[in-house]
Amino acid sequence: MALYAGIDVGSRTTKVVIVEGEKVLSSEILLTGSDPRGASWRCFQRALEVAGAKFGDVKRVISTGYGRKRVPFAHREFTEITCHARGASFCFPGVRMVIDMGGQDAKVIALEDRGGVLDFVMNDKCAAGTGRFLEVMAQAMDLDLEEMATEALRAREAVPISSMCTVFAESEVISLIAEGIPREKIVWGLHLAIARRISSMVKRVPQGEPIAFTGGVAKNRGMIRALQEVLGKKLLIPPDPQTVGALGAALLAQEIDW
C-alpha cells in the first residue's frame, strides 16, 4: 500500500505523521524555531526513518498549521480546524466536539455526526488559553510545565486570578508569590481561569458530546482536571494529543478526491 503523510507546522512545534491505511507507521515532533521550512523537512525525514520508508514511498503529503504554506513538498494544505476534526474523529469515532489548545491559539470545534466541521470558534488574538500563557506563568514561578501540572493536581483550593492578559497575569502572579500565597493555589487558579476562558468559547458553538481534548496543552494533566471541573464533563484524551492535527492531515491525504 502507498504511504501518506501529514505535516502540522505549529508556531512552537512541527509534527509529522505517516500512515498506511488506518495504521500509523510513525509520528515525530520537533521545535519549529525560526525556520518552519527547515523544521518541516527535518521532521519529515525523521518520520520516514522511523517508518523505514523513503521519500518516494509517500504518495501524498498534506500540510496544516501556522506554517502550512512553508512546506514546499506538500501537495496540498488544509486548515488546522479540518485536520484536528478528522484526527479526533479517527481517534474517537462519534466525537462531537474538539477542544484544541496549542502553543499560540485555542480552538473549539463542533462536529457533525459523520465528523465534518459544523462550526468553530478560535482564540488567536491573545495568548490567554494557550501553551504560551502557561509557559510565561511557569517561568514567573520558576517551574517547568510538568511541575505546573503536578502543582495543579495537588491543589485543593485556588486563588482567583483576575486578569487573563499575559502581561497583567504575570504581574499578578508575582504579587501573589510576594504575599506568601501557596504556589499550588496560584497554579490551580491559573488553570481554572484558562478553563473558564475555554468554557466561554464552548458556549459559542453548537453543543455536543463526547468531547475530545487535543493539542500540546492536552498533555497537561492539571489542565485536563480544570477543564473537566469547569465544563462538568469528562474529556477524551488521544494517546498523543499533540499530533492529532498531523494525523488528520495524513488521513485526508489518502481520503480526499484528488
C-alpha atoms as a PDB file:
ATOM      1  CA  MET A   1       0.000   0.000   0.000  1.00  0.00           C
ATOM      2  CA  ALA A   2       1.044   3.607  -0.550  1.00  0.00           C
ATOM      3  CA  LEU A   3       2.057   5.801   2.361  1.00  0.00           C
ATOM      4  CA  TYR A   4       0.572   9.214   3.161  1.00  0.00           C
ATOM      5  CA  ALA A   5       1.938  11.977   5.376  1.00  0.00           C
ATOM      6  CA  GLY A   6       0.520  14.892   7.338  1.00  0.00           C
ATOM      7  CA  ILE A   7       2.692  17.785   8.492  1.00  0.00           C
ATOM      8  CA  ASP A   8       1.438  20.206  11.127  1.00  0.00           C
ATOM      9  CA  VAL A   9       3.771  23.201  11.305  1.00  0.00           C
ATOM     10  CA  GLY A  10       2.803  24.975  14.504  1.00  0.00           C
ATOM     11  CA  SER A  11       4.211  28.167  15.950  1.00  0.00           C
ATOM     12  CA  ARG A  12       6.042  26.183  18.643  1.00  0.00           C
ATOM     13  CA  THR A  13       6.448  22.661  17.287  1.00  0.00           C
ATOM     14  CA  THR A  14       6.278  20.804  13.981  1.00  0.00           C
ATOM     15  CA  LYS A  15       4.590  17.417  13.895  1.00  0.00           C
ATOM     16  CA  VAL A  16       4.660  14.710  11.182  1.00  0.00           C
ATOM     17  CA  VAL A  17       2.547  11.565  10.983  1.00  0.00           C
ATOM     18  CA  ILE A  18       2.902   8.879   8.311  1.00  0.00           C
ATOM     19  CA  VAL A  19       0.067   6.406   7.771  1.00  0.00           C
ATOM     20  CA  GLU A  20      -0.601   3.327   5.703  1.00  0.00           C
ATOM     21  CA  GLY A  21      -4.335   2.754   5.551  1.00  0.00           C
ATOM     22  CA  GLU A  22      -5.513   3.152   9.144  1.00  0.00           C
ATOM     23  CA  LYS A  23      -2.143   2.198  10.599  1.00  0.00           C
ATOM     24  CA  VAL A  24       0.120   4.921  11.977  1.00  0.00           C
ATOM     25  CA  LEU A  25       3.657   3.996  10.931  1.00  0.00           C
ATOM     26  CA  SER A  26       5.440   6.881  12.638  1.00  0.00           C
ATOM     27  CA  SER A  27       4.945  10.253  14.306  1.00  0.00           C
ATOM     28  CA  GLU A  28       7.611  12.821  15.130  1.00  0.00           C
ATOM     29  CA  ILE A  29       7.747  16.196  16.876  1.00  0.00           C
ATOM     30  CA  LEU A  30      10.449  18.873  16.534  1.00  0.00           C
ATOM     31  CA  LEU A  31      10.691  22.500  17.628  1.00  0.00           C
ATOM     32  CA  THR A  32       9.726  24.806  14.751  1.00  0.00           C
ATOM     33  CA  GLY A  33      12.092  27.609  15.719  1.00  0.00           C
ATOM     34  CA  SER A  34      12.639  30.397  13.204  1.00  0.00           C
ATOM     35  CA  ASP A  35      12.770  28.094  10.168  1.00  0.00           C
ATOM     36  CA  PRO A  36       9.393  26.398   9.518  1.00  0.00           C
ATOM     37  CA  ARG A  37      10.536  25.176   6.116  1.00  0.00           C
ATOM     38  CA  GLY A  38      13.650  23.509   7.506  1.00  0.00           C
ATOM     39  CA  ALA A  39      11.802  22.120  10.539  1.00  0.00           C
ATOM     40  CA  SER A  40       9.145  20.529   8.325  1.00  0.00           C
ATOM     41  CA  TRP A  41      11.770  18.787   6.202  1.00  0.00           C
ATOM     42  CA  ARG A  42      13.845  17.577   9.182  1.00  0.00           C
ATOM     43  CA  CYS A  43      10.772  16.283  10.972  1.00  0.00           C
ATOM     44  CA  PHE A  44       9.568  14.550   7.798  1.00  0.00           C
ATOM     45  CA  GLN A  45      12.953  12.880   7.319  1.00  0.00           C
ATOM     46  CA  ARG A  46      12.935  11.606  10.894  1.00  0.00           C
ATOM     47  CA  ALA A  47       9.426  10.223  10.455  1.00  0.00           C
ATOM     48  CA  LEU A  48      10.497   8.454   7.266  1.00  0.00           C
ATOM     49  CA  GLU A  49      13.442   6.868   9.065  1.00  0.00           C
ATOM     50  CA  VAL A  50      11.228   5.580  11.881  1.00  0.00           C
ATOM     51  CA  ALA A  51       8.745   4.199   9.334  1.00  0.00           C
ATOM     52  CA  GLY A  52      11.578   2.544   7.408  1.00  0.00           C
ATOM     53  CA  ALA A  53      10.487   4.381   4.268  1.00  0.00           C
ATOM     54  CA  LYS A  54      11.893   6.672   1.594  1.00  0.00           C
ATOM     55  CA  PHE A  55      10.548   9.930   0.207  1.00  0.00           C
ATOM     56  CA  GLY A  56       9.372   8.163  -2.945  1.00  0.00           C
ATOM     57  CA  ASP A  57       7.223   5.763  -0.894  1.00  0.00           C
ATOM     58  CA  VAL A  58       4.944   8.613   0.179  1.00  0.00           C
ATOM     59  CA  LYS A  59       2.212   9.166  -2.381  1.00  0.00           C
ATOM     60  CA  ARG A  60       0.836  12.437  -0.993  1.00  0.00           C
ATOM     61  CA  VAL A  61       1.644  14.988   1.695  1.00  0.00           C
ATOM     62  CA  ILE A  62      -0.796  17.480   3.240  1.00  0.00           C
ATOM     63  CA  SER A  63       0.385  20.370   5.381  1.00  0.00           C
ATOM     64  CA  THR A  64      -1.553  22.208   8.054  1.00  0.00           C
ATOM     65  CA  GLY A  65      -0.945  24.594  10.918  1.00  0.00           C
ATOM     66  CA  TYR A  66       0.539  28.033  11.334  1.00  0.00           C
ATOM     67  CA  GLY A  67       3.312  27.409   8.788  1.00  0.00           C
ATOM     68  CA  ARG A  68       1.438  25.185   6.339  1.00  0.00           C
ATOM     69  CA  LYS A  69       2.373  27.416   3.399  1.00  0.00           C
ATOM     70  CA  ARG A  70       6.072  26.907   4.176  1.00  0.00           C
ATOM     71  CA  VAL A  71       6.161  23.202   3.255  1.00  0.00           C
ATOM     72  CA  PRO A  72       7.375  23.134  -0.366  1.00  0.00           C
ATOM     73  CA  PHE A  73       6.985  19.371  -0.785  1.00  0.00           C
ATOM     74  CA  ALA A  74       3.316  19.318   0.341  1.00  0.00           C
ATOM     75  CA  HIS A  75       0.797  18.547  -2.387  1.00  0.00           C
ATOM     76  CA  ARG A  76      -1.979  20.500  -0.690  1.00  0.00           C
ATOM     77  CA  GLU A  77      -2.761  22.350   2.521  1.00  0.00           C
ATOM     78  CA  PHE A  78      -5.719  22.280   4.900  1.00  0.00           C
ATOM     79  CA  THR A  79      -6.629  24.373   7.934  1.00  0.00           C
ATOM     80  CA  GLU A  80      -5.981  23.133  11.444  1.00  0.00           C
ATOM     81  CA  ILE A  81      -9.749  23.104  12.019  1.00  0.00           C
ATOM     82  CA  THR A  82     -10.341  20.493   9.319  1.00  0.00           C
ATOM     83  CA  CYS A  83      -7.317  18.403  10.279  1.00  0.00           C
ATOM     84  CA  HIS A  84      -7.999  18.343  14.015  1.00  0.00           C
ATOM     85  CA  ALA A  85     -11.610  17.391  13.343  1.00  0.00           C
ATOM     86  CA  ARG A  86     -10.516  14.482  11.150  1.00  0.00           C
ATOM     87  CA  GLY A  87      -7.787  13.349  13.527  1.00  0.00           C
ATOM     88  CA  ALA A  88     -10.069  13.459  16.566  1.00  0.00           C
ATOM     89  CA  SER A  89     -12.800  11.570  14.692  1.00  0.00           C
ATOM     90  CA  PHE A  90     -10.282   8.860  13.844  1.00  0.00           C
ATOM     91  CA  CYS A  91      -9.202   8.542  17.477  1.00  0.00           C
ATOM     92  CA  PHE A  92     -12.757   8.692  18.817  1.00  0.00           C
ATOM     93  CA  PRO A  93     -15.460   7.791  16.270  1.00  0.00           C
ATOM     94  CA  GLY A  94     -18.634   9.721  17.066  1.00  0.00           C
ATOM     95  CA  VAL A  95     -16.875  12.615  18.815  1.00  0.00           C
ATOM     96  CA  ARG A  96     -18.996  15.777  18.576  1.00  0.00           C
ATOM     97  CA  MET A  97     -16.665  18.486  19.861  1.00  0.00           C
ATOM     98  CA  VAL A  98     -12.916  19.114  19.889  1.00  0.00           C
ATOM     99  CA  ILE A  99     -11.092  21.473  22.231  1.00  0.00           C
ATOM    100  CA  ASP A 100      -7.645  22.111  20.771  1.00  0.00           C
ATOM    101  CA  MET A 101      -5.133  24.097  22.816  1.00  0.00           C
ATOM    102  CA  GLY A 102      -1.794  24.755  21.140  1.00  0.00           C
ATOM    103  CA  GLY A 103       1.201  26.981  21.654  1.00  0.00           C
ATOM    104  CA  GLN A 104      -0.309  30.213  20.335  1.00  0.00           C
ATOM    105  CA  ASP A 105      -4.053  29.641  19.897  1.00  0.00           C
ATOM    106  CA  ALA A 106      -7.044  27.718  21.178  1.00  0.00           C
ATOM    107  CA  LYS A 107      -9.952  26.355  19.170  1.00  0.00           C
ATOM    108  CA  VAL A 108     -13.310  24.794  19.917  1.00  0.00           C
ATOM    109  CA  ILE A 109     -14.740  22.794  17.011  1.00  0.00           C
ATOM    110  CA  ALA A 110     -18.281  21.410  16.822  1.00  0.00           C
ATOM    111  CA  LEU A 111     -18.617  18.311  14.642  1.00  0.00           C
ATOM    112  CA  GLU A 112     -21.428  16.747  12.662  1.00  0.00           C
ATOM    113  CA  ASP A 113     -22.496  13.130  13.104  1.00  0.00           C
ATOM    114  CA  ARG A 114     -20.070  11.992  10.395  1.00  0.00           C
ATOM    115  CA  GLY A 115     -17.152  14.032  11.752  1.00  0.00           C
ATOM    116  CA  GLY A 116     -17.373  17.051   9.463  1.00  0.00           C
ATOM    117  CA  VAL A 117     -16.911  20.560  10.851  1.00  0.00           C
ATOM    118  CA  LEU A 118     -20.226  22.111  11.875  1.00  0.00           C
ATOM    119  CA  ASP A 119     -18.906  25.312  13.468  1.00  0.00           C
ATOM    120  CA  PHE A 120     -15.866  26.578  15.325  1.00  0.00           C
ATOM    121  CA  VAL A 121     -14.534  29.461  17.384  1.00  0.00           C
ATOM    122  CA  MET A 122     -10.882  30.395  17.677  1.00  0.00           C
ATOM    123  CA  ASN A 123      -8.846  32.433  20.156  1.00  0.00           C
ATOM    124  CA  ASP A 124      -5.866  33.559  18.069  1.00  0.00           C
ATOM    125  CA  LYS A 125      -5.514  37.237  19.053  1.00  0.00           C
ATOM    126  CA  CYS A 126      -4.433  36.712  22.644  1.00  0.00           C
ATOM    127  CA  ALA A 127      -2.161  34.234  24.425  1.00  0.00           C
ATOM    128  CA  ALA A 128      -4.777  33.535  27.123  1.00  0.00           C
ATOM    129  CA  GLY A 129      -5.823  29.900  26.992  1.00  0.00           C
ATOM    130  CA  THR A 130      -2.699  28.767  25.144  1.00  0.00           C
ATOM    131  CA  GLY A 131       0.500  26.915  25.867  1.00  0.00           C
ATOM    132  CA  ARG A 132       2.444  30.166  25.708  1.00  0.00           C
ATOM    133  CA  PHE A 133       0.359  31.632  28.544  1.00  0.00           C
ATOM    134  CA  LEU A 134       1.193  28.630  30.729  1.00  0.00           C
ATOM    135  CA  GLU A 135       4.879  28.871  29.807  1.00  0.00           C
ATOM    136  CA  VAL A 136       5.065  32.516  30.879  1.00  0.00           C
ATOM    137  CA  MET A 137       3.292  31.785  34.180  1.00  0.00           C
ATOM    138  CA  ALA A 138       5.572  28.799  34.824  1.00  0.00           C
ATOM    139  CA  GLN A 139       8.631  30.971  34.303  1.00  0.00           C
ATOM    140  CA  ALA A 140       7.259  33.565  36.714  1.00  0.00           C
ATOM    141  CA  MET A 141       7.058  30.843  39.393  1.00  0.00           C
ATOM    142  CA  ASP A 142      10.356  29.182  38.464  1.00  0.00           C
ATOM    143  CA  LEU A 143       8.614  25.953  37.447  1.00  0.00           C
ATOM    144  CA  ASP A 144       8.717  23.813  34.337  1.00  0.00           C
ATOM    145  CA  LEU A 145       5.465  22.741  32.677  1.00  0.00           C
ATOM    146  CA  GLU A 146       5.494  19.274  34.243  1.00  0.00           C
ATOM    147  CA  GLU A 147       5.871  20.831  37.680  1.00  0.00           C
ATOM    148  CA  MET A 148       2.993  23.192  36.878  1.00  0.00           C
ATOM    149  CA  ALA A 149       0.751  20.220  36.130  1.00  0.00           C
ATOM    150  CA  THR A 150       1.828  18.482  39.347  1.00  0.00           C
ATOM    151  CA  GLU A 151       1.077  21.587  41.429  1.00  0.00           C
ATOM    152  CA  ALA A 152      -2.372  21.874  39.818  1.00  0.00           C
ATOM    153  CA  LEU A 153      -3.151  18.259  40.676  1.00  0.00           C
ATOM    154  CA  ARG A 154      -2.001  18.742  44.275  1.00  0.00           C
ATOM    155  CA  ALA A 155      -4.127  21.831  44.932  1.00  0.00           C
ATOM    156  CA  ARG A 156      -7.304  21.698  46.997  1.00  0.00           C
ATOM    157  CA  GLU A 157      -8.034  25.418  46.784  1.00  0.00           C
ATOM    158  CA  ALA A 158      -7.447  28.113  44.190  1.00  0.00           C
ATOM    159  CA  VAL A 159      -6.648  31.787  44.480  1.00  0.00           C
ATOM    160  CA  PRO A 160      -8.687  33.817  41.948  1.00  0.00           C
ATOM    161  CA  ILE A 161      -6.733  35.241  39.017  1.00  0.00           C
ATOM    162  CA  SER A 162      -8.383  38.476  37.924  1.00  0.00           C
ATOM    163  CA  SER A 163      -6.641  39.034  34.575  1.00  0.00           C
ATOM    164  CA  MET A 164      -6.135  36.762  31.573  1.00  0.00           C
ATOM    165  CA  CYS A 165      -3.843  39.224  29.842  1.00  0.00           C
ATOM    166  CA  THR A 166      -0.416  37.557  29.851  1.00  0.00           C
ATOM    167  CA  VAL A 167       1.420  40.708  30.980  1.00  0.00           C
ATOM    168  CA  PHE A 168      -1.045  41.585  33.750  1.00  0.00           C
ATOM    169  CA  ALA A 169      -1.450  37.971  34.873  1.00  0.00           C
ATOM    170  CA  GLU A 170       2.317  37.585  35.206  1.00  0.00           C
ATOM    171  CA  SER A 171       2.440  40.712  37.371  1.00  0.00           C
ATOM    172  CA  GLU A 172      -0.473  39.407  39.437  1.00  0.00           C
ATOM    173  CA  VAL A 173       1.255  36.051  39.957  1.00  0.00           C
ATOM    174  CA  ILE A 174       4.450  37.767  41.098  1.00  0.00           C
ATOM    175  CA  SER A 175       2.435  39.832  43.590  1.00  0.00           C
ATOM    176  CA  LEU A 176       0.680  36.722  44.943  1.00  0.00           C
ATOM    177  CA  ILE A 177       4.017  34.994  45.434  1.00  0.00           C
ATOM    178  CA  ALA A 178       5.281  38.064  47.323  1.00  0.00           C
ATOM    179  CA  GLU A 179       2.217  37.857  49.579  1.00  0.00           C
ATOM    180  CA  GLY A 180       3.149  34.320  50.540  1.00  0.00           C
ATOM    181  CA  ILE A 181       0.226  32.617  48.796  1.00  0.00           C
ATOM    182  CA  PRO A 182       0.995  28.871  48.441  1.00  0.00           C
ATOM    183  CA  ARG A 183       2.246  28.104  44.966  1.00  0.00           C
ATOM    184  CA  GLU A 184      -0.241  25.305  44.285  1.00  0.00           C
ATOM    185  CA  LYS A 185      -3.159  27.683  44.945  1.00  0.00           C
ATOM    186  CA  ILE A 186      -1.799  30.141  42.372  1.00  0.00           C
ATOM    187  CA  VAL A 187      -1.187  27.414  39.803  1.00  0.00           C
ATOM    188  CA  TRP A 188      -4.648  25.927  40.271  1.00  0.00           C
ATOM    189  CA  GLY A 189      -6.175  29.402  39.997  1.00  0.00           C
ATOM    190  CA  LEU A 190      -4.379  29.906  36.685  1.00  0.00           C
ATOM    191  CA  HIS A 191      -5.614  26.581  35.328  1.00  0.00           C
ATOM    192  CA  LEU A 192      -9.191  27.327  36.361  1.00  0.00           C
ATOM    193  CA  ALA A 193      -9.007  30.799  34.797  1.00  0.00           C
ATOM    194  CA  ILE A 194      -7.895  29.258  31.490  1.00  0.00           C
ATOM    195  CA  ALA A 195     -10.613  26.614  31.729  1.00  0.00           C
ATOM    196  CA  ARG A 196     -13.272  29.293  32.220  1.00  0.00           C
ATOM    197  CA  ARG A 197     -11.925  31.118  29.164  1.00  0.00           C
ATOM    198  CA  ILE A 198     -12.276  27.921  27.123  1.00  0.00           C
ATOM    199  CA  SER A 199     -15.735  27.294  28.606  1.00  0.00           C
ATOM    200  CA  SER A 200     -16.907  30.657  27.255  1.00  0.00           C
ATOM    201  CA  MET A 201     -15.727  29.554  23.797  1.00  0.00           C
ATOM    202  CA  VAL A 202     -17.522  26.215  24.137  1.00  0.00           C
ATOM    203  CA  LYS A 203     -20.806  28.049  24.740  1.00  0.00           C
ATOM    204  CA  ARG A 204     -20.452  29.866  21.400  1.00  0.00           C
ATOM    205  CA  VAL A 205     -20.702  26.724  19.236  1.00  0.00           C
ATOM    206  CA  PRO A 206     -23.423  24.032  18.966  1.00  0.00           C
ATOM    207  CA  GLN A 207     -23.233  21.743  21.987  1.00  0.00           C
ATOM    208  CA  GLY A 208     -22.375  18.091  21.602  1.00  0.00           C
ATOM    209  CA  GLU A 209     -20.721  15.167  23.357  1.00  0.00           C
ATOM    210  CA  PRO A 210     -18.407  13.350  23.630  1.00  0.00           C
ATOM    211  CA  ILE A 211     -15.657  15.993  23.728  1.00  0.00           C
ATOM    212  CA  ALA A 212     -12.037  15.361  22.751  1.00  0.00           C
ATOM    213  CA  PHE A 213      -9.156  17.453  24.082  1.00  0.00           C
ATOM    214  CA  THR A 214      -6.233  17.816  21.650  1.00  0.00           C
ATOM    215  CA  GLY A 215      -3.073  19.888  21.227  1.00  0.00           C
ATOM    216  CA  GLY A 216       0.096  20.125  23.269  1.00  0.00           C
ATOM    217  CA  VAL A 217      -1.696  21.566  26.320  1.00  0.00           C
ATOM    218  CA  ALA A 218      -3.792  18.379  26.497  1.00  0.00           C
ATOM    219  CA  LYS A 219      -0.639  16.660  27.798  1.00  0.00           C
ATOM    220  CA  ASN A 220      -1.006  18.786  30.954  1.00  0.00           C
ATOM    221  CA  ARG A 221      -2.951  16.683  33.474  1.00  0.00           C
ATOM    222  CA  GLY A 222      -3.735  19.782  35.518  1.00  0.00           C
ATOM    223  CA  MET A 223      -5.440  21.355  32.517  1.00  0.00           C
ATOM    224  CA  ILE A 224      -7.485  18.210  31.963  1.00  0.00           C
ATOM    225  CA  ARG A 225      -8.625  18.371  35.588  1.00  0.00           C
ATOM    226  CA  ALA A 226      -9.508  22.072  35.342  1.00  0.00           C
ATOM    227  CA  LEU A 227     -11.478  21.733  32.102  1.00  0.00           C
ATOM    228  CA  GLN A 228     -13.415  18.723  33.350  1.00  0.00           C
ATOM    229  CA  GLU A 229     -14.276  20.553  36.567  1.00  0.00           C
ATOM    230  CA  VAL A 230     -15.406  23.760  34.834  1.00  0.00           C
ATOM    231  CA  LEU A 231     -17.271  22.044  31.996  1.00  0.00           C
ATOM    232  CA  GLY A 232     -18.697  19.331  34.218  1.00  0.00           C
ATOM    233  CA  LYS A 233     -17.884  16.765  31.525  1.00  0.00           C
ATOM    234  CA  LYS A 234     -15.310  14.037  31.059  1.00  0.00           C
ATOM    235  CA  LEU A 235     -12.898  14.655  28.185  1.00  0.00           C
ATOM    236  CA  LEU A 236     -11.482  12.114  25.763  1.00  0.00           C
ATOM    237  CA  ILE A 237      -7.684  12.385  25.519  1.00  0.00           C
ATOM    238  CA  PRO A 238      -5.929  10.889  22.450  1.00  0.00           C
ATOM    239  CA  PRO A 239      -2.813   8.744  23.021  1.00  0.00           C
ATOM    240  CA  ASP A 240      -0.704  11.594  21.588  1.00  0.00           C
ATOM    241  CA  PRO A 241      -2.842  14.758  21.644  1.00  0.00           C
ATOM    242  CA  GLN A 242      -0.064  16.903  20.167  1.00  0.00           C
ATOM    243  CA  THR A 243      -0.034  15.054  16.814  1.00  0.00           C
ATOM    244  CA  VAL A 244      -3.794  14.891  16.169  1.00  0.00           C
ATOM    245  CA  GLY A 245      -3.652  17.664  13.541  1.00  0.00           C
ATOM    246  CA  ALA A 246      -0.842  15.939  11.642  1.00  0.00           C
ATOM    247  CA  LEU A 247      -2.725  12.645  11.890  1.00  0.00           C
ATOM    248  CA  GLY A 248      -5.840  14.258  10.422  1.00  0.00           C
ATOM    249  CA  ALA A 249      -3.779  15.724   7.588  1.00  0.00           C
ATOM    250  CA  ALA A 250      -2.281  12.309   6.781  1.00  0.00           C
ATOM    251  CA  LEU A 251      -5.704  10.666   6.760  1.00  0.00           C
ATOM    252  CA  LEU A 252      -7.106  13.387   4.492  1.00  0.00           C
ATOM    253  CA  ALA A 253      -4.170  12.894   2.122  1.00  0.00           C
ATOM    254  CA  GLN A 254      -5.369   9.378   1.379  1.00  0.00           C
ATOM    255  CA  GLU A 255      -9.119  10.016   1.600  1.00  0.00           C
ATOM    256  CA  ILE A 256      -9.914  13.129  -0.410  1.00  0.00           C
ATOM    257  CA  ASP A 257     -10.839  13.018  -4.074  1.00  0.00           C
ATOM    258  CA  TRP A 258      -7.837  14.376  -5.916  1.00  0.00           C
END
